[in-house]
C-alpha atoms as a PDB file:
ATOM      1  CA  MET A   1      32.027  32.066  13.385  1.00  0.00           C
ATOM      2  CA  MET A   2      29.487  30.185  15.836  1.00  0.00           C
ATOM      3  CA  ARG A   3      26.322  30.368  13.448  1.00  0.00           C
ATOM      4  CA  LEU A   4      28.351  28.556  10.994  1.00  0.00           C
ATOM      5  CA  THR A   5      29.619  25.946  13.172  1.00  0.00           C
ATOM      6  CA  GLY A   6      26.065  25.665  14.676  1.00  0.00           C
ATOM      7  CA  PHE A   7      25.576  24.758  10.787  1.00  0.00           C
ATOM      8  CA  VAL A   8      28.260  22.455  10.084  1.00  0.00           C
ATOM      9  CA  LEU A   9      27.048  20.564  12.793  1.00  0.00           C
ATOM     10  CA  VAL A  10      23.519  19.909  12.076  1.00  0.00           C
ATOM     11  CA  ALA A  11      25.011  19.403   8.672  1.00  0.00           C
ATOM     12  CA  LEU A  12      26.924  16.679   9.844  1.00  0.00           C
ATOM     13  CA  LEU A  13      24.032  15.060  12.147  1.00  0.00           C
ATOM     14  CA  ALA A  14      21.900  15.151   9.988  1.00  0.00           C
ATOM     15  CA  GLY A  15      23.648  13.420   7.134  1.00  0.00           C
ATOM     16  CA  CYS A  16      24.270  10.833  10.313  1.00  0.00           C
ATOM     17  CA  GLY A  17      20.314   9.496  10.348  1.00  0.00           C
ATOM     18  CA  ALA A  18      19.221   6.268   9.029  1.00  0.00           C
ATOM     19  CA  GLY A  19      21.215   5.969   6.260  1.00  0.00           C
ATOM     20  CA  ASN A  20      22.335   2.331   6.904  1.00  0.00           C
ATOM     21  CA  ASP A  21      18.665   1.160   8.170  1.00  0.00           C
ATOM     22  CA  ALA A  22      17.443  -1.497   6.327  1.00  0.00           C
ATOM     23  CA  ARG A  23      14.354  -0.750   3.467  1.00  0.00           C
ATOM     24  CA  TYR A  24      11.620  -3.134   2.746  1.00  0.00           C
ATOM     25  CA  LEU A  25      10.033  -3.132  -0.826  1.00  0.00           C
ATOM     26  CA  ILE A  26       5.870  -3.492  -0.857  1.00  0.00           C
ATOM     27  CA  ASP A  27       5.654  -6.318  -3.423  1.00  0.00           C
ATOM     28  CA  PRO A  28       2.770  -8.756  -3.960  1.00  0.00           C
ATOM     29  CA  PRO A  29       3.053 -11.912  -5.189  1.00  0.00           C
ATOM     30  CA  ALA A  30       2.507 -12.473  -8.857  1.00  0.00           C
ATOM     31  CA  ALA A  31      -1.510 -12.877  -9.785  1.00  0.00           C
ATOM     32  CA  GLY A  32      -2.746 -16.140 -11.298  1.00  0.00           C
ATOM     33  CA  ALA A  33      -5.007 -16.319 -13.944  1.00  0.00           C
ATOM     34  CA  ARG A  34      -6.169 -12.564 -14.960  1.00  0.00           C
ATOM     35  CA  VAL A  35      -9.827 -11.969 -14.393  1.00  0.00           C
ATOM     36  CA  SER A  36     -12.014 -10.225 -17.525  1.00  0.00           C
ATOM     37  CA  VAL A  37     -13.303  -7.048 -16.569  1.00  0.00           C
ATOM     38  CA  ARG A  38     -15.921  -5.010 -17.464  1.00  0.00           C
ATOM     39  CA  VAL A  39     -13.494  -1.889 -18.050  1.00  0.00           C
ATOM     40  CA  GLY A  40     -10.876  -1.183 -20.237  1.00  0.00           C
ATOM     41  CA  SER A  41      -9.076   0.851 -17.954  1.00  0.00           C
ATOM     42  CA  ILE A  42      -8.483   1.478 -13.933  1.00  0.00           C
ATOM     43  CA  GLU A  43      -7.300   5.146 -12.198  1.00  0.00           C
ATOM     44  CA  VAL A  44      -5.990   4.170  -8.938  1.00  0.00           C
ATOM     45  CA  ARG A  45      -5.982   6.712  -6.970  1.00  0.00           C
ATOM     46  CA  ASP A  46      -3.704   8.037  -3.504  1.00  0.00           C
ATOM     47  CA  VAL A  47      -4.150   5.164  -1.064  1.00  0.00           C
ATOM     48  CA  SER A  48      -5.335   6.705   2.353  1.00  0.00           C
ATOM     49  CA  LEU A  49      -3.676   5.613   5.248  1.00  0.00           C
ATOM     50  CA  PRO A  50      -3.879   5.948   8.810  1.00  0.00           C
ATOM     51  CA  SER A  51      -1.140   8.111   9.973  1.00  0.00           C
ATOM     52  CA  TYR A  52       0.586   5.287  11.916  1.00  0.00           C
ATOM     53  CA  ALA A  53       0.961   3.224   8.653  1.00  0.00           C
ATOM     54  CA  ALA A  54       1.662   6.089   6.695  1.00  0.00           C
ATOM     55  CA  ALA A  55       5.318   6.517   8.784  1.00  0.00           C
ATOM     56  CA  VAL A  56       8.652   5.472   6.723  1.00  0.00           C
ATOM     57  CA  ASP A  57       8.958   3.400  10.167  1.00  0.00           C
ATOM     58  CA  ILE A  58       7.764   0.238   9.890  1.00  0.00           C
ATOM     59  CA  ALA A  59       5.463  -1.252  13.233  1.00  0.00           C
ATOM     60  CA  ARG A  60       4.557  -3.927  14.789  1.00  0.00           C
ATOM     61  CA  GLN A  61       1.851  -3.876  17.744  1.00  0.00           C
ATOM     62  CA  GLU A  62       3.296  -5.705  20.777  1.00  0.00           C
ATOM     63  CA  PRO A  63       1.288  -7.638  23.159  1.00  0.00           C
ATOM     64  CA  ASP A  64       0.177  -4.411  25.222  1.00  0.00           C
ATOM     65  CA  GLY A  65      -1.719  -3.194  22.350  1.00  0.00           C
ATOM     66  CA  ALA A  66       0.658  -0.667  21.764  1.00  0.00           C
ATOM     67  CA  LEU A  67       2.403  -0.089  18.483  1.00  0.00           C
ATOM     68  CA  ARG A  68       6.205   0.242  18.335  1.00  0.00           C
ATOM     69  CA  ASN A  69       8.629   1.065  15.484  1.00  0.00           C
ATOM     70  CA  VAL A  70      10.639  -2.588  14.485  1.00  0.00           C
ATOM     71  CA  ALA A  71      14.098  -0.744  15.610  1.00  0.00           C
ATOM     72  CA  GLY A  72      16.167  -0.163  12.471  1.00  0.00           C
ATOM     73  CA  THR A  73      14.057  -0.836   9.523  1.00  0.00           C
ATOM     74  CA  LEU A  74      12.102   1.237   7.274  1.00  0.00           C
ATOM     75  CA  TRP A  75       9.519   1.575   4.170  1.00  0.00           C
ATOM     76  CA  ALA A  76      11.597   1.548   1.129  1.00  0.00           C
ATOM     77  CA  ASP A  77       9.259   3.987   0.102  1.00  0.00           C
ATOM     78  CA  ASP A  78       6.846   6.644   0.528  1.00  0.00           C
ATOM     79  CA  PRO A  79       4.469   4.305   2.115  1.00  0.00           C
ATOM     80  CA  VAL A  80       1.662   5.989   0.281  1.00  0.00           C
ATOM     81  CA  ARG A  81       3.442   5.703  -2.996  1.00  0.00           C
ATOM     82  CA  GLY A  82       4.155   2.475  -2.552  1.00  0.00           C
ATOM     83  CA  ILE A  83       0.940   0.339  -1.311  1.00  0.00           C
ATOM     84  CA  THR A  84      -0.678   2.591  -4.513  1.00  0.00           C
ATOM     85  CA  GLY A  85       1.472   1.566  -6.861  1.00  0.00           C
ATOM     86  CA  ALA A  86       2.084  -1.995  -5.496  1.00  0.00           C
ATOM     87  CA  LEU A  87      -2.246  -1.991  -5.407  1.00  0.00           C
ATOM     88  CA  ALA A  88      -2.217  -0.894  -9.328  1.00  0.00           C
ATOM     89  CA  ARG A  89       0.352  -3.499 -10.437  1.00  0.00           C
ATOM     90  CA  SER A  90      -1.222  -5.741  -8.449  1.00  0.00           C
ATOM     91  CA  LEU A  91      -4.845  -5.051 -10.228  1.00  0.00           C
ATOM     92  CA  ASP A  92      -2.542  -4.889 -13.644  1.00  0.00           C
ATOM     93  CA  GLN A  93      -1.923  -8.178 -13.252  1.00  0.00           C
ATOM     94  CA  ALA A  94      -5.175  -9.929 -11.912  1.00  0.00           C
ATOM     95  CA  THR A  95      -7.659  -8.183 -14.661  1.00  0.00           C
ATOM     96  CA  THR A  96      -7.425  -7.563 -18.475  1.00  0.00           C
ATOM     97  CA  ALA A  97      -8.072  -3.393 -17.647  1.00  0.00           C
ATOM     98  CA  SER A  98      -4.947  -1.312 -18.243  1.00  0.00           C
ATOM     99  CA  VAL A  99      -4.509  -0.402 -14.848  1.00  0.00           C
ATOM    100  CA  ALA A 100      -1.901   2.608 -13.251  1.00  0.00           C
ATOM    101  CA  ALA A 101      -1.800   4.881 -10.582  1.00  0.00           C
ATOM    102  CA  GLU A 102      -2.964   8.574 -10.639  1.00  0.00           C
ATOM    103  CA  PRO A 103      -1.881  11.065 -12.155  1.00  0.00           C
ATOM    104  CA  TRP A 104      -3.098   8.659 -15.100  1.00  0.00           C
ATOM    105  CA  PRO A 105      -0.515   8.913 -18.225  1.00  0.00           C
ATOM    106  CA  LEU A 106      -2.581   8.706 -21.148  1.00  0.00           C
ATOM    107  CA  ALA A 107      -4.748  11.463 -22.770  1.00  0.00           C
ATOM    108  CA  GLU A 108      -7.795   9.423 -23.370  1.00  0.00           C
ATOM    109  CA  PRO A 109      -9.306   8.856 -19.585  1.00  0.00           C
ATOM    110  CA  ALA A 110      -9.504   6.032 -17.426  1.00  0.00           C
ATOM    111  CA  GLN A 111     -13.002   4.407 -17.507  1.00  0.00           C
ATOM    112  CA  ALA A 112     -12.569   3.476 -14.169  1.00  0.00           C
ATOM    113  CA  GLU A 113     -11.299   5.127 -10.632  1.00  0.00           C
ATOM    114  CA  LEU A 114     -10.465   3.209  -7.754  1.00  0.00           C
ATOM    115  CA  SER A 115      -9.803   4.990  -4.618  1.00  0.00           C
ATOM    116  CA  VAL A 116      -9.440   2.772  -1.446  1.00  0.00           C
ATOM    117  CA  ARG A 117      -9.120   4.367   2.776  1.00  0.00           C
ATOM    118  CA  VAL A 118      -7.237   1.934   4.828  1.00  0.00           C
ATOM    119  CA  GLU A 119      -8.436   2.032   8.005  1.00  0.00           C
ATOM    120  CA  ARG A 120      -6.128  -1.155  10.090  1.00  0.00           C
ATOM    121  CA  MET A 121      -2.785  -1.455   8.277  1.00  0.00           C
ATOM    122  CA  LEU A 122      -1.353  -3.647  11.026  1.00  0.00           C
ATOM    123  CA  ALA A 123       1.056  -6.416  11.877  1.00  0.00           C
ATOM    124  CA  GLY A 124      -0.726  -7.877  15.521  1.00  0.00           C
ATOM    125  CA  ALA A 125       1.261  -8.799  18.071  1.00  0.00           C
ATOM    126  CA  ASP A 126      -1.126 -12.570  17.258  1.00  0.00           C
ATOM    127  CA  GLY A 127       0.741 -13.174  14.182  1.00  0.00           C
ATOM    128  CA  GLN A 128      -1.573 -11.634  11.822  1.00  0.00           C
ATOM    129  CA  PHE A 129      -1.320  -9.038   9.351  1.00  0.00           C
ATOM    130  CA  ARG A 130      -4.906  -6.985   9.386  1.00  0.00           C
ATOM    131  CA  PHE A 131      -5.865  -4.909   6.134  1.00  0.00           C
ATOM    132  CA  ALA A 132      -9.249  -2.883   6.636  1.00  0.00           C
ATOM    133  CA  GLY A 133     -10.958  -0.411   4.890  1.00  0.00           C
ATOM    134  CA  GLN A 134     -13.459   0.282   2.175  1.00  0.00           C
ATOM    135  CA  TYR A 135     -13.218   1.033  -1.548  1.00  0.00           C
ATOM    136  CA  ALA A 136     -14.729   3.036  -4.401  1.00  0.00           C
ATOM    137  CA  LEU A 137     -15.129   2.576  -7.858  1.00  0.00           C
ATOM    138  CA  SER A 138     -16.515   4.962 -10.558  1.00  0.00           C
ATOM    139  CA  SER A 139     -17.323   5.333 -13.395  1.00  0.00           C
ATOM    140  CA  PRO A 140     -16.939   8.846 -14.475  1.00  0.00           C
ATOM    141  CA  ASP A 141     -18.539   8.047 -18.606  1.00  0.00           C
ATOM    142  CA  GLY A 142     -20.649   5.386 -16.620  1.00  0.00           C
ATOM    143  CA  ALA A 143     -19.216   1.902 -17.770  1.00  0.00           C
ATOM    144  CA  LEU A 144     -20.056   0.363 -14.396  1.00  0.00           C
ATOM    145  CA  ARG A 145     -22.438   1.225 -11.471  1.00  0.00           C
ATOM    146  CA  ASP A 146     -20.315   2.892  -8.205  1.00  0.00           C
ATOM    147  CA  ARG A 147     -20.298   1.170  -5.734  1.00  0.00           C
ATOM    148  CA  LEU A 148     -18.618   0.719  -2.014  1.00  0.00           C
ATOM    149  CA  ARG A 149     -17.212  -1.953  -0.282  1.00  0.00           C
ATOM    150  CA  ARG A 150     -15.846  -2.620   2.722  1.00  0.00           C
ATOM    151  CA  PHE A 151     -12.608  -5.498   3.579  1.00  0.00           C
ATOM    152  CA  ASP A 152     -10.994  -6.958   6.241  1.00  0.00           C
ATOM    153  CA  ILE A 153      -8.289  -8.797   4.791  1.00  0.00           C
ATOM    154  CA  ALA A 154      -6.011 -11.174   7.214  1.00  0.00           C
ATOM    155  CA  THR A 155      -2.798 -12.943   6.296  1.00  0.00           C
ATOM    156  CA  PRO A 156      -0.120 -14.957   8.947  1.00  0.00           C
ATOM    157  CA  LEU A 157       3.503 -12.758   9.394  1.00  0.00           C
ATOM    158  CA  THR A 158       5.229 -16.023   7.451  1.00  0.00           C
ATOM    159  CA  GLY A 159       8.696 -14.499   8.511  1.00  0.00           C
ATOM    160  CA  GLU A 160      10.289 -13.138  11.222  1.00  0.00           C
ATOM    161  CA  GLY A 161      10.606  -8.837  11.615  1.00  0.00           C
ATOM    162  CA  SER A 162      10.042  -6.743   9.311  1.00  0.00           C
ATOM    163  CA  ALA A 163      10.479  -9.346   6.078  1.00  0.00           C
ATOM    164  CA  GLY A 164       7.443 -10.970   7.426  1.00  0.00           C
ATOM    165  CA  ILE A 165       5.867  -7.261   8.047  1.00  0.00           C
ATOM    166  CA  ALA A 166       6.406  -5.726   3.860  1.00  0.00           C
ATOM    167  CA  GLY A 167       5.664 -10.183   2.752  1.00  0.00           C
ATOM    168  CA  ALA A 168       2.131 -10.078   4.446  1.00  0.00           C
ATOM    169  CA  THR A 169       1.349  -6.580   3.495  1.00  0.00           C
ATOM    170  CA  GLY A 170       2.858  -7.653  -0.312  1.00  0.00           C
ATOM    171  CA  ALA A 171       0.181 -10.923   0.493  1.00  0.00           C
ATOM    172  CA  ALA A 172      -2.800  -8.761   1.989  1.00  0.00           C
ATOM    173  CA  ILE A 173      -2.355  -6.279  -1.540  1.00  0.00           C
ATOM    174  CA  ALA A 174      -2.921  -9.228  -3.830  1.00  0.00           C
ATOM    175  CA  LEU A 175      -5.662 -10.908  -1.471  1.00  0.00           C
ATOM    176  CA  LEU A 176      -7.629  -6.637  -1.859  1.00  0.00           C
ATOM    177  CA  SER A 177      -6.775  -6.551  -5.796  1.00  0.00           C
ATOM    178  CA  ALA A 178      -8.217 -10.215  -6.159  1.00  0.00           C
ATOM    179  CA  GLN A 179     -11.315  -8.991  -4.630  1.00  0.00           C
ATOM    180  CA  ILE A 180     -11.792  -5.902  -6.975  1.00  0.00           C
ATOM    181  CA  ALA A 181     -11.266  -7.730  -9.410  1.00  0.00           C
ATOM    182  CA  GLU A 182     -13.784 -10.097  -8.700  1.00  0.00           C
ATOM    183  CA  ASP A 183     -16.384  -6.907  -7.979  1.00  0.00           C
ATOM    184  CA  LEU A 184     -15.414  -5.490 -11.692  1.00  0.00           C
ATOM    185  CA  ARG A 185     -16.205  -8.904 -12.974  1.00  0.00           C
ATOM    186  CA  ARG A 186     -20.149  -8.971 -11.826  1.00  0.00           C
END
């Protein structure tokens, strides 16, 4: 009986968790004119994030440099999946290529693969959102020359709290996809 009571108590407490926390989507703004690129298809590999950015909690840098979670707010999706999907969607809208997140959904392999490793994804105490790291473009069939590039993007936090962080995250992803599209144009 005692074991059953403990199980019921744990189940009740688990149900009281983050059920009503505000959840925010990562939604890049629509791209402008499409860039004509040298490949017809691109597979976006799962984006690698630092541990603080990969957590479902939305974090912000305090004036003392510490990262703290914004109380009562979460990302609406797993951040790796959300960032990867948003980047694929943004790149698909920004280029003439067909772009999808891994696993590649078509029978014929993509002509290019994009790997992104984020080193910093941070809503800073200075009112700027920093999105920095490197990306690699590779082509198994030689459709383009392999390349490795760094990116360091800063966008202003235009809204309050987590809504501002989500908006700046989307804007940074759109800027990264525009940078990658330009790189593919050459």
